[in-house]
């Protein structure tokens, strides 16, 4: 009787522990992003979540919190650093606040095309970023992107001289500001949320972002010109907290990372599709598109950069140059 009772108690203990074991079997990761659900960035995050669930047989699930509900990019990076958030997303310009060497990626006309930009973070530049991030307690698990930035303006800008006197909103970024100043424009740092009103009121008469941003942010209502300046390339880093990374079993880490990479590659295509669709729709709304001599703009920036004495860590410069040399423009 005593032996039977002991077996029953043991069985009860095992059965009682099953719910907890099952709960631990599914790892739910909370991901934060500032972009809303209509953007190619959210679509990319959703694809990453889909691929991760598929690759891990549902053992890892990513819960997306879009629209800045958990804070801005710096806010969420801070949360990840404190292990209070699993995955934060932030542009490379934001990440320079944590990894100063990344400022090299803020240069105007660093990459001639997207292939070079991708090769850099998929290769040695990415290795440098990862090493620096790990020292902070972060793991960079992938790179989405908003790609090349272009110029939206109230008047046509078709040649470098047309920038003279143009008040253009930029991020608080010394390299972007130096670029537009070298073109003859008047760079005006401003919060993203203030841009539409400033354009409407004439406080500024130009802004810059990915082409799709002209549509999604409504800039086309007050700026009827887009110039393909392609002056800077923006990455969106996916930064995972140390505790979240350590919660992934060793055998799931490789399939997890491969799935994230697959989702990020898909997001790059979503962005191209979104920009192309935006161009066609903007044309129907009366927006004109202009080409410009990019080599002339590049020369103006490079001369200004030399005068200002912009310098970067030699190891990072070498890694960037290797990506450029290994991927010549076809």
Protein backbone atom coordinates (compact mmCIF):
# COMPACT_ATOMS: atom_id res chain seq x y z
CA UNK A 1 0.00 0.00 0.00
CA UNK A 2 2.82 2.34 0.95
CA UNK A 3 4.63 1.54 -2.31
CA UNK A 4 1.48 2.21 -4.31
CA UNK A 5 0.94 5.52 -2.56
CA UNK A 6 4.51 6.52 -3.31
CA UNK A 7 4.03 5.75 -7.02
CA UNK A 8 0.80 7.75 -7.11
CA UNK A 9 2.48 10.75 -5.49
CA UNK A 10 5.39 10.52 -7.92
CA UNK A 11 3.00 10.36 -10.86
CA UNK A 12 1.12 13.40 -9.56
CA UNK A 13 4.35 15.35 -9.30
CA UNK A 14 5.29 14.44 -12.89
CA UNK A 15 1.86 15.32 -14.21
CA UNK A 16 1.84 18.54 -12.23
CA UNK A 17 5.11 19.61 -13.82
CA UNK A 18 3.98 18.96 -17.39
CA UNK A 19 2.23 22.32 -17.98
CA UNK A 20 5.36 24.20 -16.92
CA UNK A 21 7.55 22.05 -19.14
CA UNK A 22 5.24 22.52 -22.06
CA UNK A 23 5.13 26.27 -21.44
CA UNK A 24 8.93 26.39 -21.52
CA UNK A 25 8.99 24.44 -24.77
CA UNK A 26 7.62 27.44 -26.69
CA UNK A 27 9.84 30.51 -26.61
CA UNK A 28 7.94 33.74 -27.30
CA UNK A 29 10.14 36.68 -28.31
CA UNK A 30 8.77 40.22 -28.19
CA UNK A 31 9.96 42.39 -31.11
CA UNK A 32 9.50 46.18 -31.17
CA UNK A 33 9.48 48.46 -34.21
CA UNK A 34 8.45 52.08 -34.83
CA UNK A 35 6.94 51.38 -38.25
CA UNK A 36 3.26 50.60 -38.64
CA UNK A 37 1.57 47.60 -40.20
CA UNK A 38 1.20 49.19 -43.66
CA UNK A 39 4.97 49.37 -44.26
CA UNK A 40 7.38 46.96 -45.97
CA UNK A 41 9.29 46.91 -42.67
CA UNK A 42 6.37 45.38 -40.79
CA UNK A 43 5.80 43.01 -43.68
CA UNK A 44 9.45 41.98 -43.37
CA UNK A 45 9.15 41.45 -39.62
CA UNK A 46 6.06 39.32 -40.17
CA UNK A 47 7.98 37.24 -42.72
CA UNK A 48 10.82 36.78 -40.24
CA UNK A 49 8.34 35.59 -37.62
CA UNK A 50 6.82 33.18 -40.14
CA UNK A 51 10.19 31.75 -41.17
CA UNK A 52 11.37 31.39 -37.57
CA UNK A 53 8.23 29.51 -36.55
CA UNK A 54 8.60 27.25 -39.58
CA UNK A 55 12.31 26.57 -39.07
CA UNK A 56 11.91 25.75 -35.38
CA UNK A 57 8.69 23.75 -35.70
CA UNK A 58 6.84 26.37 -33.70
CA UNK A 59 9.23 26.26 -30.75
CA UNK A 60 10.18 29.91 -31.26
CA UNK A 61 7.50 32.50 -31.92
CA UNK A 62 8.06 36.22 -32.53
CA UNK A 63 5.40 38.65 -31.32
CA UNK A 64 5.56 41.95 -33.21
CA UNK A 65 4.78 45.24 -31.45
CA UNK A 66 4.57 47.82 -34.27
CA UNK A 67 3.91 51.54 -34.48
CA UNK A 68 6.25 52.56 -31.68
CA UNK A 69 3.95 51.15 -28.99
CA UNK A 70 6.99 50.23 -26.88
CA UNK A 71 8.83 53.49 -27.57
CA UNK A 72 11.19 54.99 -30.11
CA UNK A 73 14.25 53.25 -31.49
CA UNK A 74 16.62 54.45 -28.77
CA UNK A 75 14.04 53.60 -26.11
CA UNK A 76 13.75 50.02 -27.31
CA UNK A 77 17.50 49.56 -27.71
CA UNK A 78 17.85 50.66 -24.08
CA UNK A 79 15.18 48.15 -23.08
CA UNK A 80 17.07 45.38 -24.90
CA UNK A 81 20.29 46.40 -23.18
CA UNK A 82 18.47 46.07 -19.87
CA UNK A 83 17.12 42.65 -20.92
CA UNK A 84 13.60 44.10 -20.66
CA UNK A 85 12.86 43.53 -24.37
CA UNK A 86 13.80 40.59 -26.56
CA UNK A 87 14.35 42.22 -29.98
CA UNK A 88 14.68 45.94 -30.78
CA UNK A 89 14.96 47.39 -34.28
CA UNK A 90 16.89 50.57 -35.03
CA UNK A 91 18.46 52.41 -37.95
CA UNK A 92 22.24 52.43 -38.23
CA UNK A 93 22.27 56.19 -37.52
CA UNK A 94 20.64 55.47 -34.14
CA UNK A 95 23.07 52.65 -33.40
CA UNK A 96 26.04 55.02 -33.71
CA UNK A 97 25.00 56.29 -30.25
CA UNK A 98 26.02 52.87 -28.94
CA UNK A 99 28.67 51.83 -31.48
CA UNK A 100 30.43 55.06 -32.59
CA UNK A 101 32.47 53.26 -35.27
CA UNK A 102 29.24 52.65 -37.18
CA UNK A 103 29.23 56.33 -38.14
CA UNK A 104 31.17 55.27 -41.23
CA UNK A 105 27.88 53.91 -42.60
CA UNK A 106 26.28 57.38 -42.34
CA UNK A 107 28.54 58.80 -45.03
CA UNK A 108 26.91 60.12 -48.17
CA UNK A 109 27.60 58.06 -51.28
CA UNK A 110 29.43 55.29 -49.44
CA UNK A 111 27.81 52.58 -51.56
CA UNK A 112 27.31 52.76 -55.32
CA UNK A 113 24.44 50.26 -55.22
CA UNK A 114 22.49 47.95 -52.91
CA UNK A 115 24.76 44.98 -53.69
CA UNK A 116 27.69 46.74 -52.03
CA UNK A 117 25.55 47.75 -49.06
CA UNK A 118 24.35 44.18 -48.58
CA UNK A 119 27.82 42.65 -49.01
CA UNK A 120 29.17 44.89 -46.26
CA UNK A 121 26.79 43.90 -43.47
CA UNK A 122 26.59 40.30 -44.69
CA UNK A 123 30.39 40.19 -44.49
CA UNK A 124 33.25 41.83 -42.59
CA UNK A 125 31.44 45.04 -41.67
CA UNK A 126 28.71 42.91 -40.15
CA UNK A 127 31.35 40.97 -38.20
CA UNK A 128 32.71 44.22 -36.75
CA UNK A 129 29.22 45.36 -35.78
CA UNK A 130 28.48 42.01 -34.15
CA UNK A 131 31.69 42.07 -32.12
CA UNK A 132 30.99 45.59 -30.87
CA UNK A 133 27.34 44.78 -30.10
CA UNK A 134 28.26 41.70 -28.06
CA UNK A 135 30.47 43.83 -25.83
CA UNK A 136 27.33 45.81 -25.00
CA UNK A 137 25.24 42.71 -24.37
CA UNK A 138 23.39 42.71 -27.70
CA UNK A 139 23.29 40.20 -30.56
CA UNK A 140 22.66 41.58 -34.06
CA UNK A 141 20.57 38.83 -35.63
CA UNK A 142 19.75 40.48 -38.95
CA UNK A 143 19.49 43.55 -41.15
CA UNK A 144 16.31 44.86 -42.64
CA UNK A 145 16.59 48.19 -44.47
CA UNK A 146 14.90 51.28 -45.81
CA UNK A 147 17.60 51.45 -48.48
CA UNK A 148 18.65 54.52 -50.40
CA UNK A 149 17.20 57.87 -49.44
CA UNK A 150 15.97 60.39 -52.01
CA UNK A 151 14.86 64.03 -51.96
CA UNK A 152 11.27 65.38 -51.96
CA UNK A 153 10.87 69.07 -52.75
CA UNK A 154 8.35 71.77 -53.52
CA UNK A 155 10.36 72.89 -56.56
CA UNK A 156 12.10 70.70 -59.16
CA UNK A 157 15.71 69.76 -58.37
CA UNK A 158 17.36 68.45 -61.50
CA UNK A 159 20.98 69.60 -61.15
CA UNK A 160 23.25 70.33 -58.18
CA UNK A 161 22.77 74.08 -58.56
CA UNK A 162 19.05 73.67 -57.89
CA UNK A 163 19.83 72.84 -54.27
CA UNK A 164 21.04 76.39 -53.59
CA UNK A 165 18.98 77.93 -50.78
CA UNK A 166 16.72 74.89 -50.37
CA UNK A 167 15.76 74.32 -46.72
CA UNK A 168 15.76 70.57 -46.33
CA UNK A 169 14.86 68.53 -43.28
CA UNK A 170 17.54 66.03 -42.32
CA UNK A 171 18.20 63.86 -39.31
CA UNK A 172 20.60 65.23 -36.70
CA UNK A 173 23.45 63.59 -38.56
CA UNK A 174 26.65 65.48 -39.30
CA UNK A 175 27.42 63.50 -42.46
CA UNK A 176 23.97 63.94 -44.02
CA UNK A 177 24.00 67.61 -43.05
CA UNK A 178 27.47 68.08 -44.51
CA UNK A 179 26.31 66.48 -47.74
CA UNK A 180 23.36 68.80 -48.29
CA UNK A 181 25.37 71.82 -47.21
CA UNK A 182 27.97 70.89 -49.82
CA UNK A 183 25.19 70.82 -52.44
CA UNK A 184 24.30 74.42 -51.48
CA UNK A 185 21.19 73.52 -49.48
CA UNK A 186 20.34 74.55 -45.92
CA UNK A 187 20.04 71.34 -43.86
CA UNK A 188 17.54 71.69 -41.02
CA UNK A 189 17.46 68.93 -38.38
CA UNK A 190 13.91 68.28 -37.27
CA UNK A 191 11.81 65.63 -35.58
CA UNK A 192 10.19 63.22 -38.04
CA UNK A 193 6.73 64.04 -36.63
CA UNK A 194 7.15 67.74 -37.50
CA UNK A 195 8.10 67.32 -41.16
CA UNK A 196 4.66 67.34 -42.82
CA UNK A 197 3.53 70.50 -41.00
CA UNK A 198 6.86 72.21 -41.70
CA UNK A 199 6.52 71.45 -45.42
CA UNK A 200 2.91 72.62 -45.38
CA UNK A 201 3.80 75.91 -43.66
CA UNK A 202 6.90 76.54 -45.74
CA UNK A 203 9.31 76.31 -42.80
CA UNK A 204 11.20 73.88 -44.99
CA UNK A 205 10.75 73.17 -48.70
CA UNK A 206 12.30 69.73 -48.96
CA UNK A 207 12.78 66.48 -47.05
CA UNK A 208 14.51 63.17 -47.66
CA UNK A 209 13.65 59.53 -47.11
CA UNK A 210 12.92 56.33 -49.02
CA UNK A 211 10.60 57.00 -52.00
CA UNK A 212 7.76 55.03 -50.42
CA UNK A 213 7.91 57.47 -47.49
CA UNK A 214 6.74 60.28 -49.77
CA UNK A 215 3.52 58.34 -50.21
CA UNK A 216 2.97 56.79 -46.79
CA UNK A 217 3.77 60.03 -44.93
CA UNK A 218 1.59 62.14 -47.21
CA UNK A 219 4.43 64.40 -48.36
CA UNK A 220 3.09 64.26 -51.92
CA UNK A 221 0.28 66.60 -50.83
CA UNK A 222 2.78 69.44 -50.41
CA UNK A 223 5.85 68.30 -52.37
CA UNK A 224 5.26 67.47 -56.02
CA UNK A 225 8.87 66.61 -56.91
CA UNK A 226 11.11 63.67 -56.11
CA UNK A 227 14.78 63.66 -57.09
CA UNK A 228 16.69 60.38 -57.13
CA UNK A 229 19.67 61.63 -55.13
CA UNK A 230 20.35 58.20 -53.53
CA UNK A 231 22.54 60.11 -51.08
CA UNK A 232 22.57 57.65 -48.16
CA UNK A 233 21.70 54.05 -47.38
CA UNK A 234 19.82 53.10 -44.23
CA UNK A 235 19.96 49.73 -42.51
CA UNK A 236 17.51 48.60 -39.83
CA UNK A 237 19.39 46.45 -37.34
CA UNK A 238 17.62 43.72 -35.40
CA UNK A 239 19.21 43.70 -31.95
CA UNK A 240 18.50 40.85 -29.55
CA UNK A 241 19.02 41.07 -25.80
CA UNK A 242 21.54 38.80 -24.16
CA UNK A 243 18.92 37.05 -22.05
CA UNK A 244 16.69 36.41 -25.06
CA UNK A 245 19.62 34.99 -27.04
CA UNK A 246 20.57 32.72 -24.16
CA UNK A 247 16.97 31.46 -23.95
CA UNK A 248 17.34 29.82 -27.37
CA UNK A 249 18.58 26.22 -27.10
CA UNK A 250 21.90 25.56 -28.81
CA UNK A 251 20.35 23.23 -31.39
CA UNK A 252 17.86 25.90 -32.47
CA UNK A 253 20.29 28.79 -32.91
CA UNK A 254 21.47 27.94 -36.41
CA UNK A 255 17.96 27.34 -37.85
CA UNK A 256 16.79 30.48 -36.02
CA UNK A 257 19.52 32.64 -37.58
CA UNK A 258 18.99 31.13 -41.03
CA UNK A 259 15.28 31.86 -40.78
CA UNK A 260 15.91 35.48 -39.74
CA UNK A 261 18.29 35.89 -42.69
CA UNK A 262 15.65 34.47 -45.03
CA UNK A 263 13.08 36.93 -43.70
CA UNK A 264 15.47 39.87 -43.98
CA UNK A 265 16.23 38.97 -47.61
CA UNK A 266 12.49 38.91 -48.28
CA UNK A 267 12.12 42.35 -46.67
CA UNK A 268 14.69 43.76 -49.09
CA UNK A 269 12.47 42.61 -51.95
CA UNK A 270 9.34 43.97 -50.24
CA UNK A 271 11.06 47.36 -50.06
CA UNK A 272 11.89 47.37 -53.78
CA UNK A 273 8.30 46.39 -54.60
CA UNK A 274 6.96 49.07 -52.26
CA UNK A 275 9.15 51.79 -53.77
CA UNK A 276 8.22 50.81 -57.32
CA UNK A 277 4.52 50.75 -56.48
CA UNK A 278 4.85 54.11 -54.70
CA UNK A 279 6.45 55.69 -57.77
CA UNK A 280 3.58 54.60 -59.98
CA UNK A 281 0.95 55.78 -57.50
CA UNK A 282 2.72 59.10 -56.89
CA UNK A 283 2.76 59.77 -60.62
CA UNK A 284 -1.04 59.50 -60.64
CA UNK A 285 -1.08 62.11 -57.87
CA UNK A 286 0.88 64.60 -59.97
CA UNK A 287 4.35 63.99 -58.54
CA UNK A 288 7.24 64.45 -60.99
CA UNK A 289 10.43 62.38 -60.76
CA UNK A 290 13.86 63.73 -61.63
CA UNK A 291 17.29 62.22 -62.25
CA UNK A 292 20.41 64.14 -61.19
CA UNK A 293 24.16 63.83 -61.74
CA UNK A 294 25.04 61.71 -58.71
CA UNK A 295 28.77 61.76 -59.52
CA UNK A 296 28.72 65.57 -59.23
CA UNK A 297 26.95 65.38 -55.85
CA UNK A 298 29.41 62.73 -54.67
CA UNK A 299 32.35 64.96 -55.59
CA UNK A 300 30.85 67.90 -53.70
CA UNK A 301 30.39 65.78 -50.59
CA UNK A 302 33.84 64.20 -50.77
CA UNK A 303 35.47 67.63 -51.02
CA UNK A 304 33.46 68.84 -48.01
CA UNK A 305 34.29 65.68 -46.04
CA UNK A 306 38.00 66.19 -46.71
CA UNK A 307 37.78 69.82 -45.54
CA UNK A 308 35.98 68.78 -42.37
CA UNK A 309 38.50 66.04 -41.76
CA UNK A 310 36.05 63.17 -41.39
CA UNK A 311 37.99 60.09 -40.36
CA UNK A 312 36.97 56.57 -39.32
CA UNK A 313 38.55 53.55 -37.66
CA UNK A 314 41.03 52.00 -40.15
CA UNK A 315 39.67 48.48 -39.65
CA UNK A 316 36.17 49.66 -40.51
CA UNK A 317 37.38 51.64 -43.53
CA UNK A 318 39.19 48.55 -44.80
CA UNK A 319 36.10 46.36 -44.38
CA UNK A 320 33.94 48.86 -46.27
CA UNK A 321 36.46 49.16 -49.07
CA UNK A 322 36.67 45.39 -49.42
CA UNK A 323 32.89 45.23 -49.89
CA UNK A 324 33.14 47.92 -52.57
CA UNK A 325 36.06 46.30 -54.39
CA UNK A 326 34.49 42.83 -54.31
CA UNK A 327 31.21 44.12 -55.77
CA UNK A 328 31.94 46.51 -58.65
CA UNK A 329 28.92 48.13 -60.25
CA UNK A 330 27.86 46.19 -63.32
